[in-house]
Amino acid sequence: ADMAVRIGKRLISRSMLDYISLDDDVEVRRIQVGGKLVGATVQELNVRQVYGINVIAVERDHQTNVEFSPQYRFSGEEIIAVIGKIDKIDRFEQDIQQ
């Protein structure tokens, strides 16, 4: 059943790589940087205020950085880990792909 849910989520989202489901409809989700994220800084995206989610890690070249500055600029070669309510993460993913 878990594998069916994972496959379904991957088919729906072009940018989601993996997720961990927590209680109360909260997930930690790994998302490939692309679309509107490329060239933007963490601060410019303002995901906490706009979407109610938090970027908790930036992965690049098999290294995970959890101590990045608000001025960190995405190049498109990263994967971000975000945490938040599932519906808010879904909205964020839809918006960045447009």
PDB file of N, CA and C in Angstrom:
ATOM      1  N   ALA A   1       0.829  -1.198   0.000  1.00  0.00           N
ATOM      2  CA  ALA A   1       0.000   0.000   0.000  1.00  0.00           C
ATOM      3  C   ALA A   1       0.866   1.251   0.000  1.00  0.00           C
ATOM      4  N   ASP A   2       1.936   1.227   0.811  1.00  0.00           N
ATOM      5  CA  ASP A   2       2.833   2.383   0.877  1.00  0.00           C
ATOM      6  C   ASP A   2       3.482   2.635  -0.478  1.00  0.00           C
ATOM      7  N   MET A   3       3.912   1.588  -1.158  1.00  0.00           N
ATOM      8  CA  MET A   3       4.547   1.741  -2.463  1.00  0.00           C
ATOM      9  C   MET A   3       3.569   2.307  -3.487  1.00  0.00           C
ATOM     10  N   ALA A   4       2.318   1.908  -3.429  1.00  0.00           N
ATOM     11  CA  ALA A   4       1.307   2.431  -4.346  1.00  0.00           C
ATOM     12  C   ALA A   4       1.117   3.931  -4.139  1.00  0.00           C
ATOM     13  N   VAL A   5       1.113   4.375  -2.895  1.00  0.00           N
ATOM     14  CA  VAL A   5       0.975   5.803  -2.597  1.00  0.00           C
ATOM     15  C   VAL A   5       2.200   6.558  -3.119  1.00  0.00           C
ATOM     16  N   ARG A   6       3.396   6.025  -2.899  1.00  0.00           N
ATOM     17  CA  ARG A   6       4.625   6.671  -3.375  1.00  0.00           C
ATOM     18  C   ARG A   6       4.622   6.811  -4.898  1.00  0.00           C
ATOM     19  N   ILE A   7       4.251   5.757  -5.587  1.00  0.00           N
ATOM     20  CA  ILE A   7       4.215   5.808  -7.050  1.00  0.00           C
ATOM     21  C   ILE A   7       3.179   6.825  -7.520  1.00  0.00           C
ATOM     22  N   GLY A   8       2.026   6.831  -6.896  1.00  0.00           N
ATOM     23  CA  GLY A   8       0.980   7.788  -7.253  1.00  0.00           C
ATOM     24  C   GLY A   8       1.431   9.219  -7.070  1.00  0.00           C
ATOM     25  N   LYS A   9       2.076   9.505  -5.957  1.00  0.00           N
ATOM     26  CA  LYS A   9       2.566  10.861  -5.711  1.00  0.00           C
ATOM     27  C   LYS A   9       3.618  11.266  -6.737  1.00  0.00           C
ATOM     28  N   ARG A  10       4.484  10.345  -7.105  1.00  0.00           N
ATOM     29  CA  ARG A  10       5.519  10.661  -8.101  1.00  0.00           C
ATOM     30  C   ARG A  10       4.911  10.906  -9.471  1.00  0.00           C
ATOM     31  N   LEU A  11       3.847  10.194  -9.807  1.00  0.00           N
ATOM     32  CA  LEU A  11       3.193  10.405 -11.090  1.00  0.00           C
ATOM     33  C   LEU A  11       2.510  11.763 -11.145  1.00  0.00           C
ATOM     34  N   ILE A  12       1.980  12.215 -10.037  1.00  0.00           N
ATOM     35  CA  ILE A  12       1.286  13.502  -9.973  1.00  0.00           C
ATOM     36  C   ILE A  12       2.268  14.665 -10.008  1.00  0.00           C
ATOM     37  N   SER A  13       3.399  14.540  -9.329  1.00  0.00           N
ATOM     38  CA  SER A  13       4.360  15.631  -9.212  1.00  0.00           C
ATOM     39  C   SER A  13       5.577  15.371 -10.080  1.00  0.00           C
ATOM     40  N   ARG A  14       5.932  16.350 -10.896  1.00  0.00           N
ATOM     41  CA  ARG A  14       7.114  16.217 -11.740  1.00  0.00           C
ATOM     42  C   ARG A  14       8.397  16.502 -10.966  1.00  0.00           C
ATOM     43  N   SER A  15       8.302  17.222  -9.850  1.00  0.00           N
ATOM     44  CA  SER A  15       9.516  17.643  -9.152  1.00  0.00           C
ATOM     45  C   SER A  15       9.775  16.898  -7.845  1.00  0.00           C
ATOM     46  N   MET A  16       8.782  16.188  -7.308  1.00  0.00           N
ATOM     47  CA  MET A  16       8.968  15.493  -6.032  1.00  0.00           C
ATOM     48  C   MET A  16       9.853  14.270  -6.219  1.00  0.00           C
ATOM     49  N   LEU A  17      10.843  14.134  -5.347  1.00  0.00           N
ATOM     50  CA  LEU A  17      11.739  12.990  -5.401  1.00  0.00           C
ATOM     51  C   LEU A  17      11.416  11.966  -4.329  1.00  0.00           C
ATOM     52  N   ASP A  18      11.057  12.428  -3.141  1.00  0.00           N
ATOM     53  CA  ASP A  18      10.758  11.526  -2.035  1.00  0.00           C
ATOM     54  C   ASP A  18      10.016  12.311  -0.964  1.00  0.00           C
ATOM     55  N   TYR A  19       9.422  11.606  -0.014  1.00  0.00           N
ATOM     56  CA  TYR A  19       8.719  12.275   1.075  1.00  0.00           C
ATOM     57  C   TYR A  19       8.681  11.375   2.297  1.00  0.00           C
ATOM     58  N   ILE A  20       8.462  11.996   3.440  1.00  0.00           N
ATOM     59  CA  ILE A  20       8.206  11.293   4.700  1.00  0.00           C
ATOM     60  C   ILE A  20       6.918  11.869   5.245  1.00  0.00           C
ATOM     61  N   SER A  21       5.950  11.027   5.482  1.00  0.00           N
ATOM     62  CA  SER A  21       4.669  11.463   5.996  1.00  0.00           C
ATOM     63  C   SER A  21       4.703  11.465   7.522  1.00  0.00           C
ATOM     64  N   LEU A  22       4.292  12.570   8.114  1.00  0.00           N
ATOM     65  CA  LEU A  22       4.199  12.702   9.561  1.00  0.00           C
ATOM     66  C   LEU A  22       2.727  12.773   9.951  1.00  0.00           C
ATOM     67  N   ASP A  23       2.442  12.948  11.210  1.00  0.00           N
ATOM     68  CA  ASP A  23       1.051  13.072  11.660  1.00  0.00           C
ATOM     69  C   ASP A  23       0.436  14.388  11.195  1.00  0.00           C
ATOM     70  N   ASP A  24      -0.887  14.460  11.258  1.00  0.00           N
ATOM     71  CA  ASP A  24      -1.653  15.677  10.978  1.00  0.00           C
ATOM     72  C   ASP A  24      -1.416  16.234   9.583  1.00  0.00           C
ATOM     73  N   ASP A  25      -1.317  15.361   8.578  1.00  0.00           N
ATOM     74  CA  ASP A  25      -1.154  15.785   7.180  1.00  0.00           C
ATOM     75  C   ASP A  25       0.085  16.640   6.949  1.00  0.00           C
ATOM     76  N   VAL A  26       1.159  16.351   7.661  1.00  0.00           N
ATOM     77  CA  VAL A  26       2.438  17.055   7.503  1.00  0.00           C
ATOM     78  C   VAL A  26       3.421  16.113   6.829  1.00  0.00           C
ATOM     79  N   GLU A  27       4.197  16.668   5.895  1.00  0.00           N
ATOM     80  CA  GLU A  27       5.219  15.897   5.211  1.00  0.00           C
ATOM     81  C   GLU A  27       6.543  16.648   5.196  1.00  0.00           C
ATOM     82  N   VAL A  28       7.617  15.879   5.116  1.00  0.00           N
ATOM     83  CA  VAL A  28       8.915  16.385   4.714  1.00  0.00           C
ATOM     84  C   VAL A  28       9.070  15.876   3.290  1.00  0.00           C
ATOM     85  N   ARG A  29       9.289  16.780   2.358  1.00  0.00           N
ATOM     86  CA  ARG A  29       9.336  16.388   0.950  1.00  0.00           C
ATOM     87  C   ARG A  29      10.603  16.915   0.294  1.00  0.00           C
ATOM     88  N   ARG A  30      11.242  16.065  -0.507  1.00  0.00           N
ATOM     89  CA  ARG A  30      12.413  16.451  -1.295  1.00  0.00           C
ATOM     90  C   ARG A  30      11.930  16.826  -2.688  1.00  0.00           C
ATOM     91  N   ILE A  31      12.316  18.019  -3.142  1.00  0.00           N
ATOM     92  CA  ILE A  31      11.841  18.558  -4.409  1.00  0.00           C
ATOM     93  C   ILE A  31      13.036  19.010  -5.245  1.00  0.00           C
ATOM     94  N   GLN A  32      13.062  18.604  -6.508  1.00  0.00           N
ATOM     95  CA  GLN A  32      14.106  19.048  -7.424  1.00  0.00           C
ATOM     96  C   GLN A  32      13.901  20.527  -7.731  1.00  0.00           C
ATOM     97  N   VAL A  33      14.961  21.317  -7.595  1.00  0.00           N
ATOM     98  CA  VAL A  33      14.882  22.741  -7.902  1.00  0.00           C
ATOM     99  C   VAL A  33      14.749  22.906  -9.407  1.00  0.00           C
ATOM    100  N   GLY A  34      13.808  23.726  -9.808  1.00  0.00           N
ATOM    101  CA  GLY A  34      13.575  24.009 -11.224  1.00  0.00           C
ATOM    102  C   GLY A  34      12.549  25.109 -11.350  1.00  0.00           C
ATOM    103  N   GLY A  35      12.177  25.413 -12.545  1.00  0.00           N
ATOM    104  CA  GLY A  35      11.143  26.414 -12.793  1.00  0.00           C
ATOM    105  C   GLY A  35      11.453  27.752 -12.163  1.00  0.00           C
ATOM    106  N   LYS A  36      10.513  28.283 -11.423  1.00  0.00           N
ATOM    107  CA  LYS A  36      10.639  29.609 -10.813  1.00  0.00           C
ATOM    108  C   LYS A  36      11.693  29.686  -9.708  1.00  0.00           C
ATOM    109  N   LEU A  37      12.163  28.538  -9.218  1.00  0.00           N
ATOM    110  CA  LEU A  37      13.165  28.560  -8.155  1.00  0.00           C
ATOM    111  C   LEU A  37      14.551  28.941  -8.672  1.00  0.00           C
ATOM    112  N   VAL A  38      14.852  28.595  -9.912  1.00  0.00           N
ATOM    113  CA  VAL A  38      16.184  28.828 -10.465  1.00  0.00           C
ATOM    114  C   VAL A  38      16.472  30.326 -10.516  1.00  0.00           C
ATOM    115  N   GLY A  39      17.575  30.709  -9.890  1.00  0.00           N
ATOM    116  CA  GLY A  39      17.991  32.108  -9.856  1.00  0.00           C
ATOM    117  C   GLY A  39      17.426  32.900  -8.698  1.00  0.00           C
ATOM    118  N   ALA A  40      16.479  32.339  -7.967  1.00  0.00           N
ATOM    119  CA  ALA A  40      15.862  33.037  -6.833  1.00  0.00           C
ATOM    120  C   ALA A  40      16.608  32.699  -5.543  1.00  0.00           C
ATOM    121  N   THR A  41      16.516  33.594  -4.571  1.00  0.00           N
ATOM    122  CA  THR A  41      17.086  33.319  -3.260  1.00  0.00           C
ATOM    123  C   THR A  41      15.993  32.794  -2.339  1.00  0.00           C
ATOM    124  N   VAL A  42      16.426  32.197  -1.251  1.00  0.00           N
ATOM    125  CA  VAL A  42      15.486  31.711  -0.237  1.00  0.00           C
ATOM    126  C   VAL A  42      14.635  32.880   0.256  1.00  0.00           C
ATOM    127  N   GLN A  43      15.271  34.004   0.486  1.00  0.00           N
ATOM    128  CA  GLN A  43      14.567  35.179   0.994  1.00  0.00           C
ATOM    129  C   GLN A  43      13.548  35.703  -0.024  1.00  0.00           C
ATOM    130  N   GLU A  44      13.915  35.753  -1.291  1.00  0.00           N
ATOM    131  CA  GLU A  44      12.998  36.237  -2.329  1.00  0.00           C
ATOM    132  C   GLU A  44      11.768  35.347  -2.448  1.00  0.00           C
ATOM    133  N   LEU A  45      11.958  34.057  -2.282  1.00  0.00           N
ATOM    134  CA  LEU A  45      10.829  33.122  -2.395  1.00  0.00           C
ATOM    135  C   LEU A  45       9.844  33.271  -1.250  1.00  0.00           C
ATOM    136  N   ASN A  46      10.354  33.592  -0.058  1.00  0.00           N
ATOM    137  CA  ASN A  46       9.513  33.866   1.103  1.00  0.00           C
ATOM    138  C   ASN A  46       8.457  32.771   1.315  1.00  0.00           C
ATOM    139  N   VAL A  47       8.894  31.505   1.216  1.00  0.00           N
ATOM    140  CA  VAL A  47       7.939  30.392   1.258  1.00  0.00           C
ATOM    141  C   VAL A  47       7.205  30.275   2.586  1.00  0.00           C
ATOM    142  N   ARG A  48       7.815  30.714   3.653  1.00  0.00           N
ATOM    143  CA  ARG A  48       7.144  30.626   4.955  1.00  0.00           C
ATOM    144  C   ARG A  48       5.915  31.531   4.985  1.00  0.00           C
ATOM    145  N   GLN A  49       6.054  32.743   4.475  1.00  0.00           N
ATOM    146  CA  GLN A  49       4.925  33.679   4.476  1.00  0.00           C
ATOM    147  C   GLN A  49       3.915  33.366   3.376  1.00  0.00           C
ATOM    148  N   VAL A  50       4.414  33.032   2.183  1.00  0.00           N
ATOM    149  CA  VAL A  50       3.526  32.831   1.034  1.00  0.00           C
ATOM    150  C   VAL A  50       2.807  31.485   1.089  1.00  0.00           C
ATOM    151  N   TYR A  51       3.533  30.428   1.484  1.00  0.00           N
ATOM    152  CA  TYR A  51       2.961  29.077   1.423  1.00  0.00           C
ATOM    153  C   TYR A  51       2.766  28.415   2.784  1.00  0.00           C
ATOM    154  N   GLY A  52       3.379  28.948   3.831  1.00  0.00           N
ATOM    155  CA  GLY A  52       3.264  28.325   5.148  1.00  0.00           C
ATOM    156  C   GLY A  52       4.111  27.069   5.282  1.00  0.00           C
ATOM    157  N   ILE A  53       5.185  26.971   4.473  1.00  0.00           N
ATOM    158  CA  ILE A  53       6.100  25.838   4.560  1.00  0.00           C
ATOM    159  C   ILE A  53       7.505  26.364   4.832  1.00  0.00           C
ATOM    160  N   ASN A  54       8.411  25.477   5.197  1.00  0.00           N
ATOM    161  CA  ASN A  54       9.789  25.866   5.479  1.00  0.00           C
ATOM    162  C   ASN A  54      10.759  25.029   4.664  1.00  0.00           C
ATOM    163  N   VAL A  55      11.785  25.683   4.121  1.00  0.00           N
ATOM    164  CA  VAL A  55      12.889  24.981   3.479  1.00  0.00           C
ATOM    165  C   VAL A  55      13.843  24.607   4.604  1.00  0.00           C
ATOM    166  N   ILE A  56      14.073  23.314   4.791  1.00  0.00           N
ATOM    167  CA  ILE A  56      14.893  22.868   5.920  1.00  0.00           C
ATOM    168  C   ILE A  56      16.264  22.361   5.501  1.00  0.00           C
ATOM    169  N   ALA A  57      16.467  22.118   4.202  1.00  0.00           N
ATOM    170  CA  ALA A  57      17.774  21.655   3.741  1.00  0.00           C
ATOM    171  C   ALA A  57      17.907  21.911   2.246  1.00  0.00           C
ATOM    172  N   VAL A  58      19.164  22.081   1.836  1.00  0.00           N
ATOM    173  CA  VAL A  58      19.504  22.202   0.422  1.00  0.00           C
ATOM    174  C   VAL A  58      20.565  21.150   0.133  1.00  0.00           C
ATOM    175  N   GLU A  59      20.288  20.299  -0.843  1.00  0.00           N
ATOM    176  CA  GLU A  59      21.223  19.234  -1.207  1.00  0.00           C
ATOM    177  C   GLU A  59      21.846  19.561  -2.561  1.00  0.00           C
ATOM    178  N   ARG A  60      23.167  19.390  -2.635  1.00  0.00           N
ATOM    179  CA  ARG A  60      23.882  19.600  -3.896  1.00  0.00           C
ATOM    180  C   ARG A  60      25.143  18.750  -3.889  1.00  0.00           C
ATOM    181  N   ASP A  61      25.393  18.065  -4.982  1.00  0.00           N
ATOM    182  CA  ASP A  61      26.582  17.213  -5.112  1.00  0.00           C
ATOM    183  C   ASP A  61      26.703  16.231  -3.950  1.00  0.00           C
ATOM    184  N   HIS A  62      25.599  15.617  -3.577  1.00  0.00           N
ATOM    185  CA  HIS A  62      25.553  14.600  -2.511  1.00  0.00           C
ATOM    186  C   HIS A  62      25.947  15.157  -1.141  1.00  0.00           C
ATOM    187  N   GLN A  63      25.783  16.460  -0.949  1.00  0.00           N
ATOM    188  CA  GLN A  63      26.024  17.077   0.351  1.00  0.00           C
ATOM    189  C   GLN A  63      24.757  17.815   0.765  1.00  0.00           C
ATOM    190  N   THR A  64      24.399  17.657   2.029  1.00  0.00           N
ATOM    191  CA  THR A  64      23.201  18.295   2.559  1.00  0.00           C
ATOM    192  C   THR A  64      23.599  19.455   3.449  1.00  0.00           C
ATOM    193  N   ASN A  65      23.060  20.626   3.140  1.00  0.00           N
ATOM    194  CA  ASN A  65      23.354  21.838   3.892  1.00  0.00           C
ATOM    195  C   ASN A  65      22.090  22.273   4.647  1.00  0.00           C
ATOM    196  N   VAL A  66      22.166  22.313   5.962  1.00  0.00           N
ATOM    197  CA  VAL A  66      21.029  22.769   6.767  1.00  0.00           C
ATOM    198  C   VAL A  66      21.298  24.147   7.370  1.00  0.00           C
ATOM    199  N   GLU A  67      22.456  24.715   7.055  1.00  0.00           N
ATOM    200  CA  GLU A  67      22.834  26.031   7.571  1.00  0.00           C
ATOM    201  C   GLU A  67      23.105  26.989   6.418  1.00  0.00           C
ATOM    202  N   PHE A  68      22.106  27.210   5.590  1.00  0.00           N
ATOM    203  CA  PHE A  68      22.229  28.100   4.438  1.00  0.00           C
ATOM    204  C   PHE A  68      21.630  29.458   4.783  1.00  0.00           C
ATOM    205  N   SER A  69      22.114  30.498   4.140  1.00  0.00           N
ATOM    206  CA  SER A  69      21.650  31.855   4.438  1.00  0.00           C
ATOM    207  C   SER A  69      20.401  32.181   3.620  1.00  0.00           C
ATOM    208  N   PRO A  70      19.663  33.193   4.045  1.00  0.00           N
ATOM    209  CA  PRO A  70      18.500  33.632   3.257  1.00  0.00           C
ATOM    210  C   PRO A  70      18.902  34.145   1.870  1.00  0.00           C
ATOM    211  N   GLN A  71      20.158  34.481   1.695  1.00  0.00           N
ATOM    212  CA  GLN A  71      20.643  34.981   0.407  1.00  0.00           C
ATOM    213  C   GLN A  71      21.116  33.848  -0.519  1.00  0.00           C
ATOM    214  N   TYR A  72      20.985  32.600  -0.078  1.00  0.00           N
ATOM    215  CA  TYR A  72      21.383  31.469  -0.919  1.00  0.00           C
ATOM    216  C   TYR A  72      20.559  31.493  -2.196  1.00  0.00           C
ATOM    217  N   ARG A  73      21.251  31.472  -3.345  1.00  0.00           N
ATOM    218  CA  ARG A  73      20.578  31.538  -4.651  1.00  0.00           C
ATOM    219  C   ARG A  73      20.601  30.162  -5.312  1.00  0.00           C
ATOM    220  N   PHE A  74      19.419  29.687  -5.720  1.00  0.00           N
ATOM    221  CA  PHE A  74      19.290  28.376  -6.343  1.00  0.00           C
ATOM    222  C   PHE A  74      19.766  28.413  -7.792  1.00  0.00           C
ATOM    223  N   SER A  75      20.528  27.388  -8.177  1.00  0.00           N
ATOM    224  CA  SER A  75      21.056  27.327  -9.542  1.00  0.00           C
ATOM    225  C   SER A  75      20.301  26.330 -10.413  1.00  0.00           C
ATOM    226  N   GLY A  76      19.544  25.461  -9.820  1.00  0.00           N
ATOM    227  CA  GLY A  76      18.831  24.439 -10.576  1.00  0.00           C
ATOM    228  C   GLY A  76      19.472  23.075 -10.454  1.00  0.00           C
ATOM    229  N   GLU A  77      20.604  23.002  -9.772  1.00  0.00           N
ATOM    230  CA  GLU A  77      21.283  21.720  -9.576  1.00  0.00           C
ATOM    231  C   GLU A  77      21.034  21.163  -8.181  1.00  0.00           C
ATOM    232  N   GLU A  78      20.153  21.790  -7.438  1.00  0.00           N
ATOM    233  CA  GLU A  78      19.907  21.395  -6.057  1.00  0.00           C
ATOM    234  C   GLU A  78      18.596  20.630  -5.910  1.00  0.00           C
ATOM    235  N   ILE A  79      18.513  20.018  -4.748  1.00  0.00           N
ATOM    236  CA  ILE A  79      17.275  19.426  -4.261  1.00  0.00           C
ATOM    237  C   ILE A  79      17.000  20.118  -2.935  1.00  0.00           C
ATOM    238  N   ILE A  80      15.763  20.543  -2.719  1.00  0.00           N
ATOM    239  CA  ILE A  80      15.426  21.150  -1.434  1.00  0.00           C
ATOM    240  C   ILE A  80      14.537  20.194  -0.650  1.00  0.00           C
ATOM    241  N   ALA A  81      14.670  20.258   0.662  1.00  0.00           N
ATOM    242  CA  ALA A  81      13.775  19.530   1.553  1.00  0.00           C
ATOM    243  C   ALA A  81      12.894  20.573   2.223  1.00  0.00           C
ATOM    244  N   VAL A  82      11.595  20.378   2.115  1.00  0.00           N
ATOM    245  CA  VAL A  82      10.645  21.299   2.738  1.00  0.00           C
ATOM    246  C   VAL A  82       9.776  20.528   3.712  1.00  0.00           C
ATOM    247  N   ILE A  83       9.235  21.246   4.688  1.00  0.00           N
ATOM    248  CA  ILE A  83       8.303  20.646   5.647  1.00  0.00           C
ATOM    249  C   ILE A  83       7.076  21.540   5.728  1.00  0.00           C
ATOM    250  N   GLY A  84       5.912  20.895   5.806  1.00  0.00           N
ATOM    251  CA  GLY A  84       4.673  21.642   5.928  1.00  0.00           C
ATOM    252  C   GLY A  84       3.473  20.745   5.688  1.00  0.00           C
ATOM    253  N   LYS A  85       2.313  21.352   5.713  1.00  0.00           N
ATOM    254  CA  LYS A  85       1.077  20.631   5.424  1.00  0.00           C
ATOM    255  C   LYS A  85       1.073  20.196   3.957  1.00  0.00           C
ATOM    256  N   ILE A  86       0.553  19.020   3.696  1.00  0.00           N
ATOM    257  CA  ILE A  86       0.579  18.437   2.360  1.00  0.00           C
ATOM    258  C   ILE A  86      -0.039  19.364   1.323  1.00  0.00           C
ATOM    259  N   ASP A  87      -1.190  19.946   1.612  1.00  0.00           N
ATOM    260  CA  ASP A  87      -1.852  20.805   0.633  1.00  0.00           C
ATOM    261  C   ASP A  87      -1.035  22.050   0.320  1.00  0.00           C
ATOM    262  N   LYS A  88      -0.316  22.563   1.298  1.00  0.00           N
ATOM    263  CA  LYS A  88       0.511  23.754   1.074  1.00  0.00           C
ATOM    264  C   LYS A  88       1.751  23.424   0.254  1.00  0.00           C
ATOM    265  N   ILE A  89       2.342  22.258   0.498  1.00  0.00           N
ATOM    266  CA  ILE A  89       3.489  21.834  -0.305  1.00  0.00           C
ATOM    267  C   ILE A  89       3.034  21.572  -1.743  1.00  0.00           C
ATOM    268  N   ASP A  90       1.876  20.959  -1.911  1.00  0.00           N
ATOM    269  CA  ASP A  90       1.331  20.713  -3.254  1.00  0.00           C
ATOM    270  C   ASP A  90       1.159  22.033  -4.016  1.00  0.00           C
ATOM    271  N   ARG A  91       0.622  23.043  -3.349  1.00  0.00           N
ATOM    272  CA  ARG A  91       0.412  24.353  -3.991  1.00  0.00           C
ATOM    273  C   ARG A  91       1.744  24.981  -4.380  1.00  0.00           C
ATOM    274  N   PHE A  92       2.740  24.878  -3.484  1.00  0.00           N
ATOM    275  CA  PHE A  92       4.076  25.383  -3.768  1.00  0.00           C
ATOM    276  C   PHE A  92       4.651  24.701  -5.018  1.00  0.00           C
ATOM    277  N   GLU A  93       4.558  23.379  -5.077  1.00  0.00           N
ATOM    278  CA  GLU A  93       5.078  22.649  -6.237  1.00  0.00           C
ATOM    279  C   GLU A  93       4.376  23.062  -7.532  1.00  0.00           C
ATOM    280  N   GLN A  94       3.078  23.225  -7.490  1.00  0.00           N
ATOM    281  CA  GLN A  94       2.339  23.643  -8.683  1.00  0.00           C
ATOM    282  C   GLN A  94       2.779  25.036  -9.122  1.00  0.00           C
ATOM    283  N   ASP A  95       2.937  25.945  -8.183  1.00  0.00           N
ATOM    284  CA  ASP A  95       3.319  27.324  -8.509  1.00  0.00           C
ATOM    285  C   ASP A  95       4.724  27.406  -9.105  1.00  0.00           C
ATOM    286  N   ILE A  96       5.660  26.639  -8.588  1.00  0.00           N
ATOM    287  CA  ILE A  96       7.042  26.749  -9.086  1.00  0.00           C
ATOM    288  C   ILE A  96       7.217  26.124 -10.463  1.00  0.00           C
ATOM    289  N   GLN A  97       6.324  25.246 -10.851  1.00  0.00           N
ATOM    290  CA  GLN A  97       6.435  24.578 -12.141  1.00  0.00           C
ATOM    291  C   GLN A  97       5.842  25.404 -13.270  1.00  0.00           C
ATOM    292  N   GLN A  98       5.065  26.399 -12.955  1.00  0.00           N
ATOM    293  CA  GLN A  98       4.385  27.189 -13.987  1.00  0.00           C
ATOM    294  C   GLN A  98       5.316  28.150 -14.669  1.00  0.00           C
TER     295      GLN A  98
END
